[in-house]
Amino acid sequence: MNGLLIKNALIVNPKGKYKGAGDILVRGGVIARIAPSIESNGETVIDASGLTALPGLVDMHCHLREPGFEYKETIATGTRAAARGGFTTVACMPNTDPPADTPSVITFIRKKAAEEGAVRVLPVGCITREQKGKELAEMGALRAAGAVALSDDGMPVADSHVMHMALRYARSFGILLISHCEDPGLVNGGVMNEGYWSTLLGLKPITRAAEEVMVARETLLAQALDTRVHIAHVSTEGACAVIRSAKARGVKVTAETCPHYFSATDAFVDGFDTNAKVNPPLRTDADVAAVKAALKDGTLDCIATDHAPHHIDQKAVEFDVAANGISGFETAFSLAYTNLVKTGVLTLDQLVTRMACNPAAVLGIDGGVLMEGGRADIVLVNENENYAIDASGFVSKGKNSPFDGTEVTGRVVHTIAGGRLAVEAGRVVI
């Protein structure tokens, strides 16, 4: 291939110099030129008339399931689903089998991604050995092997002393900790948000305090140590308030939420729909409004998918024993555009900042910007296309989505990852 030439796009580029109508020339995996008009010189031409060009989206929180759970997802299938959703970089969580608590697992993921991945994959290592929350993993070795951050996602670090030590060591190694904020004692076997719907359905509830207590702990520890911490998948009004207060005090805290926490409520569980079972659980209308407000004012820096694909056998069971998680790569942009941009909560520039620029900045990687000489990570979207989500057509092995059949606006049309055309006209071609 002699390169790609994107013609007639509307370029939305919050952190870049060039914005507005123009063309983008891609050669050798980088953006060679951005200009109002570029003549073709043998490149493959993509006519982007009516489309908007964005920096490739960066998902700082997903689950690719490999190694160990390939029946749910593989690096090959997961990265293709990511590309279809407009993501060109993904950071995969360490709750694999074996967990990513040793350099060998990090090396395996990087090698597998280089061989079979459709987009850039950045492994996240464990904070503690085997995610048991007792003994710290070898952070320096994990970082040296290529871990971009550390987390025990899926399992909280419940012991405050262990988390305090983890933050100390992470500071010395210069690596980010991503905290899954959940107090196991307060969860106490609960399966959905405490409120009207848990009472109506007779399901054991989870108090919002289970999340909020741990968010408060992390911000206080980060403040005491003058170090940074990142809060994963924020879902409650109280957690947003704690983070907002911490930021006002100068605490080095960043935070993310996910599309399901501003696009759905615990009412989605009605009928015992296990596709709506997620951790932390879907919350109330008031929590959804608070998450949107926190995205608007910058309290929440990032939107991540928490893509969590599952085999149907783990969802087609009783609600109490069903697995937590939503397959989120292929719906994230459309849900965010529909529920945030179309409703006036965010501008498209602000959405791109939270789905590309800020995640790249939090992880300390290149990305989130279209610039000459930079990585050719580009997504072309149709802002005006309306369609119904069809989970059966997901590229991901996981078809578990509570948004199946939901009408949305804004579709990913083409994705270019590292200079390679990965998705063309909505179809994965890599």
Protein backbone atom coordinates (compact mmCIF):
# COMPACT_ATOMS: atom_id res chain seq x y z
CA MET A 1 0.00 0.00 0.00
CA ASN A 2 1.29 3.45 -0.91
CA GLY A 3 -0.45 5.05 2.00
CA LEU A 4 -3.92 6.41 2.65
CA LEU A 5 -5.42 9.75 1.78
CA ILE A 6 -8.54 10.86 3.66
CA LYS A 7 -10.36 13.49 1.61
CA ASN A 8 -13.07 16.00 2.54
CA ALA A 9 -13.33 15.26 6.25
CA LEU A 10 -14.48 17.56 9.03
CA ILE A 11 -11.54 17.30 11.45
CA VAL A 12 -12.31 17.50 15.18
CA ASN A 13 -8.99 17.63 17.00
CA PRO A 14 -9.14 19.19 20.50
CA LYS A 15 -5.40 18.93 21.24
CA GLY A 16 -4.14 19.42 17.70
CA LYS A 17 -3.30 22.49 15.63
CA TYR A 18 -5.44 21.64 12.59
CA LYS A 19 -9.22 21.67 12.87
CA GLY A 20 -12.01 22.08 10.37
CA ALA A 21 -12.50 20.85 6.82
CA GLY A 22 -9.47 19.16 5.36
CA ASP A 23 -7.54 16.14 4.16
CA ILE A 24 -5.19 13.78 6.02
CA LEU A 25 -2.30 11.94 4.35
CA VAL A 26 -1.04 8.75 6.00
CA ARG A 27 2.28 7.14 5.12
CA GLY A 28 4.47 4.64 6.96
CA GLY A 29 2.15 4.42 9.95
CA VAL A 30 2.25 8.16 10.66
CA ILE A 31 0.32 11.23 9.61
CA ALA A 32 2.47 12.78 6.90
CA ARG A 33 0.35 15.85 6.28
CA ILE A 34 -2.89 17.59 7.27
CA ALA A 35 -4.07 20.37 5.00
CA PRO A 36 -7.21 21.90 3.48
CA SER A 37 -6.57 19.98 0.26
CA ILE A 38 -4.00 17.30 -0.64
CA GLU A 39 -3.60 15.84 -4.13
CA SER A 40 -3.50 12.08 -4.48
CA ASN A 41 -0.21 10.51 -5.52
CA GLY A 42 -1.13 6.85 -5.78
CA GLU A 43 -2.50 6.49 -2.26
CA THR A 44 -5.67 4.61 -1.41
CA VAL A 45 -8.26 7.37 -1.18
CA ILE A 46 -11.02 7.40 1.42
CA ASP A 47 -13.78 9.85 0.56
CA ALA A 48 -14.83 11.24 3.93
CA SER A 49 -17.50 13.60 2.62
CA GLY A 50 -20.13 13.93 5.33
CA LEU A 51 -17.88 12.25 7.89
CA THR A 52 -16.01 13.62 10.91
CA ALA A 53 -12.37 12.67 11.53
CA LEU A 54 -11.37 12.21 15.18
CA PRO A 55 -8.19 11.03 16.86
CA GLY A 56 -8.36 7.30 17.46
CA LEU A 57 -10.20 6.60 20.71
CA VAL A 58 -8.20 5.36 23.70
CA ASP A 59 -9.84 2.88 26.07
CA MET A 60 -7.91 2.77 29.32
CA HIS A 61 -10.01 0.00 30.87
CA CYS A 62 -11.06 -3.18 29.08
CA HIS A 63 -10.86 -6.96 29.37
CA LEU A 64 -9.42 -9.00 26.50
CA ARG A 65 -9.64 -12.24 28.56
CA GLU A 66 -6.47 -13.79 27.11
CA PRO A 67 -4.68 -15.73 28.55
CA GLY A 68 -6.99 -18.20 30.21
CA PHE A 69 -10.50 -17.22 29.16
CA GLU A 70 -10.31 -17.48 25.39
CA TYR A 71 -13.84 -18.88 25.26
CA LYS A 72 -15.03 -15.38 26.26
CA GLU A 73 -12.68 -13.30 24.10
CA THR A 74 -9.20 -13.35 22.58
CA ILE A 75 -6.76 -10.59 21.82
CA ALA A 76 -7.57 -11.12 18.14
CA THR A 77 -11.36 -10.86 18.51
CA GLY A 78 -11.27 -8.19 21.20
CA THR A 79 -9.00 -5.82 19.31
CA ARG A 80 -11.13 -6.16 16.20
CA ALA A 81 -14.21 -5.32 18.23
CA ALA A 82 -12.29 -2.35 19.62
CA ALA A 83 -11.40 -1.16 16.14
CA ARG A 84 -15.04 -1.46 15.08
CA GLY A 85 -15.88 0.81 18.01
CA GLY A 86 -13.31 3.41 16.93
CA PHE A 87 -10.63 2.50 19.49
CA THR A 88 -7.05 2.40 18.27
CA THR A 89 -5.40 1.89 21.68
CA VAL A 90 -6.72 -0.26 24.53
CA ALA A 91 -5.35 -0.98 28.02
CA CYS A 92 -6.34 -4.48 29.10
CA MET A 93 -6.92 -5.38 32.73
CA PRO A 94 -4.94 -8.13 34.46
CA ASN A 95 -7.67 -10.49 35.71
CA THR A 96 -6.66 -13.23 33.31
CA ASP A 97 -5.60 -16.81 34.12
CA PRO A 98 -2.85 -16.66 35.17
CA PRO A 99 -3.27 -13.06 36.26
CA ALA A 100 -0.84 -10.47 34.89
CA ASP A 101 1.22 -10.36 38.06
CA THR A 102 4.52 -11.45 36.51
CA PRO A 103 6.64 -10.08 33.65
CA SER A 104 6.08 -13.29 31.67
CA VAL A 105 2.32 -12.68 31.40
CA ILE A 106 2.87 -9.04 30.39
CA THR A 107 5.36 -10.21 27.76
CA PHE A 108 2.91 -12.83 26.50
CA ILE A 109 0.14 -10.25 26.05
CA ARG A 110 2.43 -7.82 24.24
CA LYS A 111 3.76 -10.55 21.92
CA LYS A 112 0.30 -11.91 21.19
CA ALA A 113 -1.01 -8.40 20.49
CA ALA A 114 1.89 -7.68 18.13
CA GLU A 115 1.15 -10.88 16.21
CA GLU A 116 -2.66 -10.89 16.19
CA GLY A 117 -3.94 -7.54 17.42
CA ALA A 118 -5.80 -5.10 15.20
CA VAL A 119 -5.04 -2.12 17.47
CA ARG A 120 -2.35 -1.14 19.98
CA VAL A 121 -2.63 -3.11 23.24
CA LEU A 122 -1.16 -1.83 26.51
CA PRO A 123 -1.20 -4.43 29.30
CA VAL A 124 -2.11 -3.44 32.87
CA GLY A 125 -0.33 -5.45 35.56
CA CYS A 126 -1.59 -6.48 38.99
CA ILE A 127 -1.11 -4.43 42.14
CA THR A 128 -0.95 -7.58 44.29
CA ARG A 129 0.09 -11.16 43.64
CA GLU A 130 -2.77 -13.17 42.17
CA GLN A 131 -5.04 -10.17 42.89
CA LYS A 132 -5.45 -11.47 46.43
CA GLY A 133 -4.80 -8.07 48.03
CA LYS A 134 -2.16 -9.38 50.41
CA GLU A 135 1.32 -9.16 48.90
CA LEU A 136 2.48 -6.55 46.41
CA ALA A 137 3.41 -7.69 42.93
CA GLU A 138 6.87 -6.77 41.67
CA MET A 139 5.93 -3.37 40.29
CA GLY A 140 9.32 -2.47 38.88
CA ALA A 141 9.58 -5.73 36.96
CA LEU A 142 6.04 -5.35 35.61
CA ARG A 143 6.77 -1.84 34.43
CA ALA A 144 10.04 -2.93 32.83
CA ALA A 145 8.15 -5.69 31.00
CA GLY A 146 5.77 -3.12 29.52
CA ALA A 147 2.86 -2.70 31.93
CA VAL A 148 1.33 0.74 31.38
CA ALA A 149 -0.40 0.81 34.79
CA LEU A 150 -1.27 -1.47 37.71
CA SER A 151 -4.68 -2.54 38.99
CA ASP A 152 -6.42 -5.41 40.73
CA ASP A 153 -9.54 -4.60 38.73
CA GLY A 154 -12.33 -7.02 39.44
CA MET A 155 -11.03 -7.29 42.99
CA PRO A 156 -10.54 -4.34 45.35
CA VAL A 157 -7.39 -3.94 47.42
CA ALA A 158 -9.41 -4.10 50.62
CA ASP A 159 -6.53 -3.81 53.09
CA SER A 160 -5.77 -0.10 53.56
CA HIS A 161 -2.18 -0.78 54.65
CA VAL A 162 -1.52 -2.76 51.46
CA MET A 163 -2.98 0.04 49.31
CA HIS A 164 -0.94 2.62 51.22
CA MET A 165 2.24 0.64 50.49
CA ALA A 166 1.18 0.11 46.88
CA LEU A 167 0.83 3.84 46.35
CA ARG A 168 4.24 4.44 47.92
CA TYR A 169 5.94 1.92 45.66
CA ALA A 170 4.01 3.06 42.58
CA ARG A 171 5.24 6.59 43.20
CA SER A 172 8.84 5.43 43.37
CA PHE A 173 8.49 3.48 40.12
CA GLY A 174 6.50 6.23 38.41
CA ILE A 175 3.60 3.98 37.49
CA LEU A 176 -0.13 4.70 37.77
CA LEU A 177 -2.41 2.71 40.08
CA ILE A 178 -6.00 2.19 38.90
CA SER A 179 -8.28 1.43 41.83
CA HIS A 180 -11.37 -0.76 41.73
CA CYS A 181 -13.28 0.97 44.54
CA GLU A 182 -15.45 -1.51 46.37
CA ASP A 183 -15.64 -2.38 50.06
CA PRO A 184 -16.30 -6.15 50.13
CA GLY A 185 -17.83 -5.99 53.59
CA LEU A 186 -20.40 -3.46 52.44
CA VAL A 187 -21.12 -5.38 49.25
CA ASN A 188 -21.84 -8.43 51.42
CA GLY A 189 -22.98 -10.65 48.58
CA GLY A 190 -25.21 -8.03 46.95
CA VAL A 191 -25.98 -8.29 43.24
CA MET A 192 -27.56 -4.97 42.25
CA ASN A 193 -27.97 -1.37 43.41
CA GLU A 194 -29.89 -0.81 46.62
CA GLY A 195 -33.18 0.94 45.96
CA TYR A 196 -36.64 0.59 44.49
CA TRP A 197 -35.74 -2.04 41.93
CA SER A 198 -33.79 -4.29 44.29
CA THR A 199 -36.77 -4.22 46.64
CA LEU A 200 -39.28 -4.91 43.87
CA LEU A 201 -37.25 -7.77 42.40
CA GLY A 202 -36.21 -9.23 45.73
CA LEU A 203 -32.51 -9.17 44.83
CA LYS A 204 -29.84 -8.63 47.47
CA PRO A 205 -28.78 -4.97 47.33
CA ILE A 206 -25.43 -3.18 47.26
CA THR A 207 -25.24 0.15 49.03
CA ARG A 208 -23.65 3.06 47.16
CA ALA A 209 -21.42 3.50 50.19
CA ALA A 210 -19.51 0.37 49.13
CA GLU A 211 -18.03 2.43 46.29
CA GLU A 212 -17.92 5.80 48.00
CA VAL A 213 -16.04 4.68 51.12
CA MET A 214 -13.23 3.29 48.99
CA VAL A 215 -13.11 6.34 46.72
CA ALA A 216 -12.70 8.47 49.83
CA ARG A 217 -9.94 6.18 51.11
CA GLU A 218 -7.98 6.36 47.86
CA THR A 219 -8.18 10.14 47.64
CA LEU A 220 -7.08 10.52 51.26
CA LEU A 221 -4.15 8.14 50.77
CA ALA A 222 -3.12 9.93 47.58
CA GLN A 223 -3.30 13.24 49.43
CA ALA A 224 -1.24 11.97 52.35
CA LEU A 225 1.46 10.60 50.03
CA ASP A 226 1.25 13.44 47.50
CA THR A 227 0.97 10.89 44.73
CA ARG A 228 -1.52 10.12 42.02
CA VAL A 229 -4.28 7.56 41.82
CA HIS A 230 -6.91 6.80 39.18
CA ILE A 231 -10.44 5.75 40.14
CA ALA A 232 -12.06 3.17 37.86
CA HIS A 233 -15.70 2.99 36.67
CA VAL A 234 -17.30 5.69 38.87
CA SER A 235 -21.05 5.13 39.18
CA THR A 236 -22.53 7.12 42.08
CA GLU A 237 -23.42 10.69 42.92
CA GLY A 238 -21.49 10.41 46.19
CA ALA A 239 -18.32 9.17 44.49
CA CYS A 240 -18.45 12.10 42.07
CA ALA A 241 -18.77 14.48 45.03
CA VAL A 242 -15.79 12.91 46.81
CA ILE A 243 -13.61 13.18 43.71
CA ARG A 244 -14.72 16.75 43.06
CA SER A 245 -13.82 17.72 46.61
CA ALA A 246 -10.44 15.98 46.38
CA LYS A 247 -9.57 17.76 43.15
CA ALA A 248 -10.49 21.09 44.74
CA ARG A 249 -7.95 20.30 47.48
CA GLY A 250 -5.27 19.60 44.92
CA VAL A 251 -5.24 15.82 45.28
CA LYS A 252 -3.66 14.10 42.27
CA VAL A 253 -6.69 12.03 41.43
CA THR A 254 -8.14 11.23 38.03
CA ALA A 255 -11.26 9.22 37.35
CA GLU A 256 -13.27 7.47 34.68
CA THR A 257 -16.81 6.35 34.12
CA CYS A 258 -18.33 4.07 31.50
CA PRO A 259 -21.15 4.48 28.96
CA HIS A 260 -23.51 2.23 30.91
CA TYR A 261 -23.33 4.54 33.93
CA PHE A 262 -24.73 7.48 31.97
CA SER A 263 -26.91 5.49 29.56
CA ALA A 264 -28.77 3.07 31.83
CA THR A 265 -30.21 2.75 35.32
CA ASP A 266 -31.03 -0.12 37.66
CA ALA A 267 -34.45 -0.24 36.00
CA PHE A 268 -32.71 -2.16 33.19
CA VAL A 269 -32.54 -5.12 35.59
CA ASP A 270 -36.35 -5.43 35.43
CA GLY A 271 -37.19 -8.92 34.22
CA PHE A 272 -33.98 -10.15 35.84
CA ASP A 273 -31.99 -9.24 32.74
CA THR A 274 -28.51 -10.57 33.45
CA ASN A 275 -27.08 -8.46 30.61
CA ALA A 276 -27.66 -5.53 32.97
CA LYS A 277 -25.63 -7.14 35.75
CA VAL A 278 -22.36 -5.26 36.08
CA ASN A 279 -19.88 -4.32 38.81
CA PRO A 280 -20.30 -1.68 40.14
CA PRO A 281 -24.04 -2.04 39.50
CA LEU A 282 -26.23 0.21 37.42
CA ARG A 283 -27.55 3.00 39.63
CA THR A 284 -30.48 5.45 39.75
CA ASP A 285 -31.60 8.40 37.64
CA ALA A 286 -29.99 10.74 40.21
CA ASP A 287 -26.67 8.93 39.88
CA VAL A 288 -26.84 9.08 36.08
CA ALA A 289 -27.48 12.83 36.24
CA ALA A 290 -24.55 13.24 38.65
CA VAL A 291 -22.20 11.26 36.39
CA LYS A 292 -23.19 13.44 33.44
CA ALA A 293 -22.61 16.60 35.47
CA ALA A 294 -19.21 15.27 36.58
CA LEU A 295 -18.24 14.59 32.98
CA LYS A 296 -19.32 18.08 32.03
CA ASP A 297 -17.35 19.89 34.75
CA GLY A 298 -14.26 17.70 34.42
CA THR A 299 -14.56 15.87 37.73
CA LEU A 300 -14.56 12.69 35.64
CA ASP A 301 -11.65 12.89 33.22
CA CYS A 302 -12.21 9.85 31.04
CA ILE A 303 -14.81 7.57 29.51
CA ALA A 304 -13.66 3.94 29.41
CA THR A 305 -15.65 0.95 28.23
CA ASP A 306 -14.88 -1.66 30.92
CA HIS A 307 -15.50 -4.03 28.00
CA ALA A 308 -16.28 -7.32 29.76
CA PRO A 309 -17.33 -10.04 27.31
CA HIS A 310 -18.83 -13.27 28.61
CA HIS A 311 -19.92 -16.57 27.14
CA ILE A 312 -23.69 -16.92 26.95
CA ASP A 313 -23.58 -19.77 29.47
CA GLN A 314 -22.43 -17.29 32.13
CA LYS A 315 -25.31 -14.92 31.44
CA ALA A 316 -28.17 -17.33 30.68
CA VAL A 317 -28.46 -18.30 34.35
CA GLU A 318 -30.15 -17.01 37.50
CA PHE A 319 -29.36 -13.37 38.22
CA ASP A 320 -27.64 -14.11 41.52
CA VAL A 321 -25.01 -16.34 39.91
CA ALA A 322 -24.64 -14.59 36.52
CA ALA A 323 -21.28 -13.02 35.67
CA ASN A 324 -20.85 -9.26 35.91
CA GLY A 325 -20.09 -7.33 32.77
CA ILE A 326 -21.15 -5.69 29.52
CA SER A 327 -19.57 -6.12 26.09
CA GLY A 328 -18.86 -2.46 25.47
CA PHE A 329 -16.38 -1.77 22.67
CA GLU A 330 -18.86 -1.63 19.82
CA THR A 331 -21.47 0.56 21.50
CA ALA A 332 -19.37 3.05 23.48
CA PHE A 333 -19.07 5.87 20.97
CA SER A 334 -22.69 5.71 19.86
CA LEU A 335 -24.02 5.62 23.43
CA ALA A 336 -21.77 8.53 24.41
CA TYR A 337 -22.68 10.58 21.35
CA THR A 338 -26.40 9.90 21.84
CA ASN A 339 -26.57 10.51 25.58
CA LEU A 340 -23.98 13.25 25.95
CA VAL A 341 -23.50 15.17 22.70
CA LYS A 342 -27.04 14.97 21.30
CA THR A 343 -28.44 16.04 24.67
CA GLY A 344 -26.04 18.98 25.05
CA VAL A 345 -24.14 17.63 28.06
CA LEU A 346 -20.85 17.71 26.12
CA THR A 347 -19.67 19.11 22.82
CA LEU A 348 -18.04 16.69 20.39
CA ASP A 349 -14.69 18.29 21.26
CA GLN A 350 -15.30 17.54 24.93
CA LEU A 351 -16.36 13.97 24.18
CA VAL A 352 -13.18 13.37 22.17
CA THR A 353 -11.18 14.86 25.04
CA ARG A 354 -12.71 12.32 27.44
CA MET A 355 -12.49 9.36 25.07
CA ALA A 356 -9.08 10.01 23.51
CA CYS A 357 -7.02 12.96 24.76
CA ASN A 358 -7.44 12.52 28.52
CA PRO A 359 -7.03 8.72 28.62
CA ALA A 360 -3.76 9.06 26.69
CA ALA A 361 -2.59 11.78 29.07
CA VAL A 362 -3.54 9.81 32.20
CA LEU A 363 -1.66 6.75 30.92
CA GLY A 364 1.27 8.89 29.79
CA ILE A 365 1.25 7.61 26.22
CA ASP A 366 1.21 9.21 22.78
CA GLY A 367 -2.28 9.44 21.35
CA GLY A 368 -5.46 11.48 21.38
CA VAL A 369 -4.24 13.98 18.79
CA LEU A 370 -4.01 14.27 15.02
CA MET A 371 -0.68 15.85 14.13
CA GLU A 372 1.90 15.63 11.39
CA GLY A 373 4.55 13.10 12.38
CA GLY A 374 2.27 11.48 14.96
CA ARG A 375 0.76 7.99 14.99
CA ALA A 376 -1.83 7.51 12.30
CA ASP A 377 -4.65 6.60 14.66
CA ILE A 378 -7.80 8.02 13.11
CA VAL A 379 -11.51 7.26 13.33
CA LEU A 380 -14.10 8.54 10.87
CA VAL A 381 -17.65 8.77 12.18
CA ASN A 382 -21.03 9.68 10.77
CA GLU A 383 -22.56 12.01 13.35
CA ASN A 384 -25.97 11.90 11.71
CA GLU A 385 -26.50 8.19 11.23
CA ASN A 386 -29.25 6.63 13.31
CA TYR A 387 -29.31 2.89 13.87
CA ALA A 388 -30.39 0.19 16.31
CA ILE A 389 -27.71 -1.69 18.23
CA ASP A 390 -27.61 -5.35 17.22
CA ALA A 391 -25.63 -7.38 19.72
CA SER A 392 -25.86 -10.51 17.57
CA GLY A 393 -23.69 -8.73 15.01
CA PHE A 394 -20.88 -7.84 17.42
CA VAL A 395 -17.38 -8.77 16.33
CA SER A 396 -16.62 -9.50 19.97
CA LYS A 397 -17.30 -13.02 21.17
CA GLY A 398 -19.31 -11.41 23.96
CA LYS A 399 -22.84 -10.54 22.89
CA ASN A 400 -23.82 -9.53 26.44
CA SER A 401 -25.31 -6.05 26.18
CA PRO A 402 -28.38 -4.52 27.81
CA PHE A 403 -28.48 -2.06 24.89
CA ASP A 404 -29.44 -4.62 22.25
CA GLY A 405 -32.11 -2.99 20.09
CA THR A 406 -31.50 0.52 21.48
CA GLU A 407 -31.79 3.32 18.92
CA VAL A 408 -28.64 5.47 18.85
CA THR A 409 -27.04 8.21 16.77
CA GLY A 410 -23.44 8.42 15.61
CA ARG A 411 -21.74 5.46 13.95
CA VAL A 412 -18.08 4.58 13.49
CA VAL A 413 -17.50 4.15 9.74
CA HIS A 414 -13.73 3.78 9.26
CA THR A 415 -10.90 3.12 11.72
CA ILE A 416 -7.22 3.52 10.88
CA ALA A 417 -4.92 2.06 13.55
CA GLY A 418 -1.20 2.68 13.29
CA GLY A 419 -1.63 3.56 9.63
CA ARG A 420 -3.52 0.36 8.79
CA LEU A 421 -7.13 0.44 7.65
CA ALA A 422 -8.75 -1.80 10.25
CA VAL A 423 -12.41 -0.97 9.68
CA GLU A 424 -13.89 0.11 6.36
CA ALA A 425 -17.54 1.11 6.02
CA GLY A 426 -18.27 -0.46 9.40
CA ARG A 427 -16.70 -3.81 8.48
CA VAL A 428 -13.48 -5.15 10.00
CA VAL A 429 -10.99 -5.67 7.18
CA ILE A 430 -7.81 -6.54 9.07
